[in-house]
N, C-alpha and C. Protein backbone atom coordinates (compact mmCIF):
# COMPACT_ATOMS: atom_id res chain seq x y z
N UNK A 1 -6.13 63.83 54.80
CA UNK A 1 -7.21 63.43 55.30
C UNK A 1 -7.03 62.26 56.47
N UNK A 2 -7.84 62.35 57.42
CA UNK A 2 -7.57 61.70 58.49
C UNK A 2 -8.76 60.31 58.34
N UNK A 3 -8.15 59.06 58.63
CA UNK A 3 -9.16 57.84 58.64
C UNK A 3 -10.17 58.09 59.66
N UNK A 4 -11.45 57.58 59.19
CA UNK A 4 -12.46 57.50 60.04
C UNK A 4 -13.11 56.11 59.99
N UNK A 5 -13.64 55.39 61.00
CA UNK A 5 -14.02 54.11 61.32
C UNK A 5 -15.47 54.38 61.87
N UNK A 6 -16.25 53.34 61.93
CA UNK A 6 -17.45 53.15 62.59
C UNK A 6 -17.19 52.12 63.35
N UNK A 7 -17.55 52.05 64.80
CA UNK A 7 -17.60 50.89 65.54
C UNK A 7 -18.48 50.93 66.86
N UNK A 8 -18.02 49.65 67.58
CA UNK A 8 -19.12 49.63 68.79
C UNK A 8 -18.16 49.64 70.02
N UNK A 9 -18.58 50.41 71.10
CA UNK A 9 -17.87 50.38 72.34
C UNK A 9 -17.92 49.12 72.97
N UNK A 10 -16.69 48.43 73.49
CA UNK A 10 -16.71 47.05 74.02
C UNK A 10 -16.28 47.30 75.40
N UNK A 11 -15.77 48.35 75.90
CA UNK A 11 -15.31 48.48 77.32
C UNK A 11 -15.35 50.21 77.55
N UNK A 12 -15.90 50.48 78.62
CA UNK A 12 -15.94 51.73 79.12
C UNK A 12 -15.53 51.63 80.68
N UNK A 13 -14.48 50.84 81.04
CA UNK A 13 -14.18 50.98 82.51
C UNK A 13 -13.15 51.90 82.68
N UNK A 14 -12.40 52.59 81.75
CA UNK A 14 -11.34 53.51 81.78
C UNK A 14 -11.89 54.97 82.06
N UNK A 15 -11.15 55.80 82.60
CA UNK A 15 -11.41 57.06 82.73
C UNK A 15 -10.94 57.95 81.38
N UNK A 16 -11.87 58.57 80.61
CA UNK A 16 -11.40 59.24 79.32
C UNK A 16 -10.89 58.39 78.26
N UNK A 17 -11.13 57.07 78.21
CA UNK A 17 -10.80 56.01 77.22
C UNK A 17 -11.81 54.99 77.04
N UNK A 18 -11.84 54.50 75.94
CA UNK A 18 -12.68 53.54 75.56
C UNK A 18 -12.06 52.51 74.46
N UNK A 19 -12.67 51.26 74.53
CA UNK A 19 -12.10 50.25 73.62
C UNK A 19 -13.34 50.08 72.61
N UNK A 20 -12.99 50.17 71.28
CA UNK A 20 -13.97 50.29 70.34
C UNK A 20 -13.64 48.92 69.36
N UNK A 21 -14.57 48.19 69.04
CA UNK A 21 -14.38 47.24 67.95
C UNK A 21 -14.81 47.62 66.67
N UNK A 22 -13.98 47.50 65.66
CA UNK A 22 -14.18 48.02 64.30
C UNK A 22 -14.26 46.90 63.35
N UNK A 23 -15.07 46.78 62.63
CA UNK A 23 -15.04 45.63 61.42
C UNK A 23 -14.89 46.28 60.26
N UNK A 24 -13.78 45.81 59.51
CA UNK A 24 -13.34 46.10 58.37
C UNK A 24 -13.61 45.12 57.14
N UNK A 25 -14.13 45.42 56.34
CA UNK A 25 -14.57 44.28 55.09
C UNK A 25 -13.42 44.86 53.82
N UNK A 26 -12.92 43.75 53.44
CA UNK A 26 -11.99 43.82 52.25
C UNK A 26 -12.20 42.54 51.44
N UNK A 27 -12.10 42.86 50.02
CA UNK A 27 -12.20 41.84 49.04
C UNK A 27 -10.82 41.14 48.95
N UNK A 28 -10.94 39.56 48.96
CA UNK A 28 -9.78 38.80 49.02
C UNK A 28 -9.21 39.06 47.54
N UNK A 29 -7.90 39.32 47.40
CA UNK A 29 -7.25 39.53 46.07
C UNK A 29 -7.33 38.31 45.11
N UNK A 30 -7.30 37.23 45.51
CA UNK A 30 -7.31 35.98 44.73
C UNK A 30 -8.63 35.42 44.50
N UNK A 31 -9.27 35.30 45.74
CA UNK A 31 -10.66 34.54 45.54
C UNK A 31 -11.81 35.63 45.15
N UNK A 32 -11.68 36.82 45.56
CA UNK A 32 -12.76 37.75 45.19
C UNK A 32 -13.76 37.77 46.40
N UNK A 33 -13.80 36.92 47.42
CA UNK A 33 -14.76 36.78 48.44
C UNK A 33 -14.33 38.02 49.34
N UNK A 34 -15.44 38.57 50.02
CA UNK A 34 -15.47 39.54 50.94
C UNK A 34 -15.04 38.95 52.22
N UNK A 35 -13.99 39.48 52.92
CA UNK A 35 -13.54 39.06 54.19
C UNK A 35 -13.54 39.99 55.25
N UNK A 36 -14.25 39.62 56.51
CA UNK A 36 -14.33 40.56 57.47
C UNK A 36 -13.26 40.34 58.50
N UNK A 37 -12.76 41.35 58.92
CA UNK A 37 -11.69 41.47 60.02
C UNK A 37 -12.16 42.42 61.13
N UNK A 38 -11.84 42.14 62.22
CA UNK A 38 -12.34 42.82 63.25
C UNK A 38 -10.94 43.35 63.96
N UNK A 39 -10.91 44.74 64.56
CA UNK A 39 -9.79 45.20 65.03
C UNK A 39 -10.25 45.97 66.41
N UNK A 40 -9.59 45.98 67.30
CA UNK A 40 -9.84 46.53 68.66
C UNK A 40 -8.90 47.84 68.78
N UNK A 41 -9.64 48.96 68.91
CA UNK A 41 -8.80 50.22 69.15
C UNK A 41 -9.12 51.00 70.41
N UNK A 42 -8.21 51.55 70.96
CA UNK A 42 -8.35 52.36 72.33
C UNK A 42 -8.61 53.95 71.62
N UNK A 43 -9.46 54.50 72.05
CA UNK A 43 -10.02 55.79 71.58
C UNK A 43 -10.29 56.59 72.96
N UNK A 44 -10.10 57.91 72.58
CA UNK A 44 -10.12 59.11 73.63
C UNK A 44 -11.47 59.63 73.68
N UNK A 45 -12.04 59.62 74.63
CA UNK A 45 -13.46 60.12 75.02
C UNK A 45 -13.52 61.24 76.25
N UNK A 46 -13.21 62.34 75.89
CA UNK A 46 -12.82 63.47 76.97
C UNK A 46 -13.74 63.53 78.02
N UNK A 47 -15.15 63.47 77.62
CA UNK A 47 -16.32 63.66 78.57
C UNK A 47 -16.80 62.41 79.10
N UNK A 48 -16.34 61.23 78.97
CA UNK A 48 -16.89 60.02 79.35
C UNK A 48 -18.41 60.08 78.82
N UNK A 49 -18.83 60.39 77.68
CA UNK A 49 -19.90 60.50 77.14
C UNK A 49 -20.68 59.24 76.53
N UNK A 50 -19.68 58.27 76.14
CA UNK A 50 -20.04 57.11 75.52
C UNK A 50 -20.13 55.86 76.67
N UNK A 51 -21.29 54.99 76.56
CA UNK A 51 -21.35 53.83 77.25
C UNK A 51 -21.10 52.53 76.53
N UNK A 52 -21.25 51.46 77.13
CA UNK A 52 -20.92 50.19 76.64
C UNK A 52 -22.11 49.78 75.69
N UNK A 53 -21.80 49.30 74.42
CA UNK A 53 -22.88 48.95 73.54
C UNK A 53 -23.14 50.24 72.51
N UNK A 54 -22.82 51.51 72.83
CA UNK A 54 -23.00 52.46 71.75
C UNK A 54 -22.09 52.33 70.51
N UNK A 55 -22.79 52.75 69.37
CA UNK A 55 -22.15 52.89 68.24
C UNK A 55 -21.41 54.17 67.96
N UNK A 56 -20.15 54.28 67.60
CA UNK A 56 -19.68 55.68 67.59
C UNK A 56 -18.66 55.60 66.13
N UNK A 57 -18.40 56.97 65.94
CA UNK A 57 -17.47 57.08 64.77
C UNK A 57 -16.16 57.58 65.23
N UNK A 58 -15.07 56.86 64.89
CA UNK A 58 -13.79 57.35 65.63
C UNK A 58 -12.92 58.12 64.41
N UNK A 59 -11.91 58.87 64.79
CA UNK A 59 -11.11 59.48 63.84
C UNK A 59 -9.67 59.28 64.17
N UNK A 60 -8.71 59.31 63.25
CA UNK A 60 -7.35 59.03 63.59
C UNK A 60 -6.69 60.46 63.99
N UNK A 61 -6.10 60.45 65.19
CA UNK A 61 -5.32 61.81 65.45
C UNK A 61 -3.93 61.39 65.87
N UNK A 62 -3.31 62.66 66.31
CA UNK A 62 -1.91 62.48 66.94
C UNK A 62 -1.94 61.61 68.18
N UNK A 63 -0.60 60.92 68.39
CA UNK A 63 -0.74 59.95 69.49
C UNK A 63 -0.93 60.55 70.79
N UNK A 64 -1.99 60.08 71.51
CA UNK A 64 -2.33 60.85 72.71
C UNK A 64 -1.85 59.80 74.12
N UNK A 65 -1.35 58.69 73.60
CA UNK A 65 -0.60 57.99 74.74
C UNK A 65 0.07 56.80 74.00
N UNK A 66 0.50 55.79 74.69
CA UNK A 66 1.15 54.60 73.91
C UNK A 66 0.15 53.87 73.19
N UNK A 67 -0.99 53.63 73.44
CA UNK A 67 -2.10 52.85 72.75
C UNK A 67 -3.08 53.63 72.09
N UNK A 68 -3.25 54.89 72.48
CA UNK A 68 -4.32 55.77 71.93
C UNK A 68 -3.94 56.62 70.65
N UNK A 69 -4.52 56.46 69.71
CA UNK A 69 -4.29 57.15 68.42
C UNK A 69 -5.58 57.63 67.62
N UNK A 70 -6.60 57.35 68.46
CA UNK A 70 -7.91 57.58 67.72
C UNK A 70 -8.74 58.34 68.70
N UNK A 71 -9.77 59.27 68.44
CA UNK A 71 -10.53 59.94 69.38
C UNK A 71 -12.07 59.75 68.55
N UNK A 72 -13.03 59.80 69.78
CA UNK A 72 -14.34 59.75 69.23
C UNK A 72 -14.95 61.01 68.72
N UNK A 73 -15.63 60.86 67.57
CA UNK A 73 -16.08 62.20 66.84
C UNK A 73 -17.38 62.22 67.06
N UNK A 74 -18.16 61.22 66.99
CA UNK A 74 -19.63 61.12 67.07
C UNK A 74 -20.39 60.12 67.62
N UNK A 75 -21.23 60.18 68.25
CA UNK A 75 -22.19 58.96 68.84
C UNK A 75 -23.21 58.75 68.20
N UNK A 76 -23.67 57.61 67.58
CA UNK A 76 -24.74 57.19 67.01
C UNK A 76 -25.59 56.45 67.71
N UNK A 77 -26.79 56.56 67.70
CA UNK A 77 -27.89 55.90 68.25
C UNK A 77 -28.20 54.59 67.73
């Protein structure tokens, strides 16, 4: 099963690539507090259909380039 994340497009200046910010929530093992972590992921967008600020669902895939290991599956409004 491939990992799926939901995130926001923060850069659309590249051709067929998007930079997506993903927020991951984890429970701290000792304190029990929920800790938020943000990661920035390069994603493949074949048709350039997403714009800055869109919420998207991304899925892990084979390496498409040096930095791209995810592709955009769905655009949420």
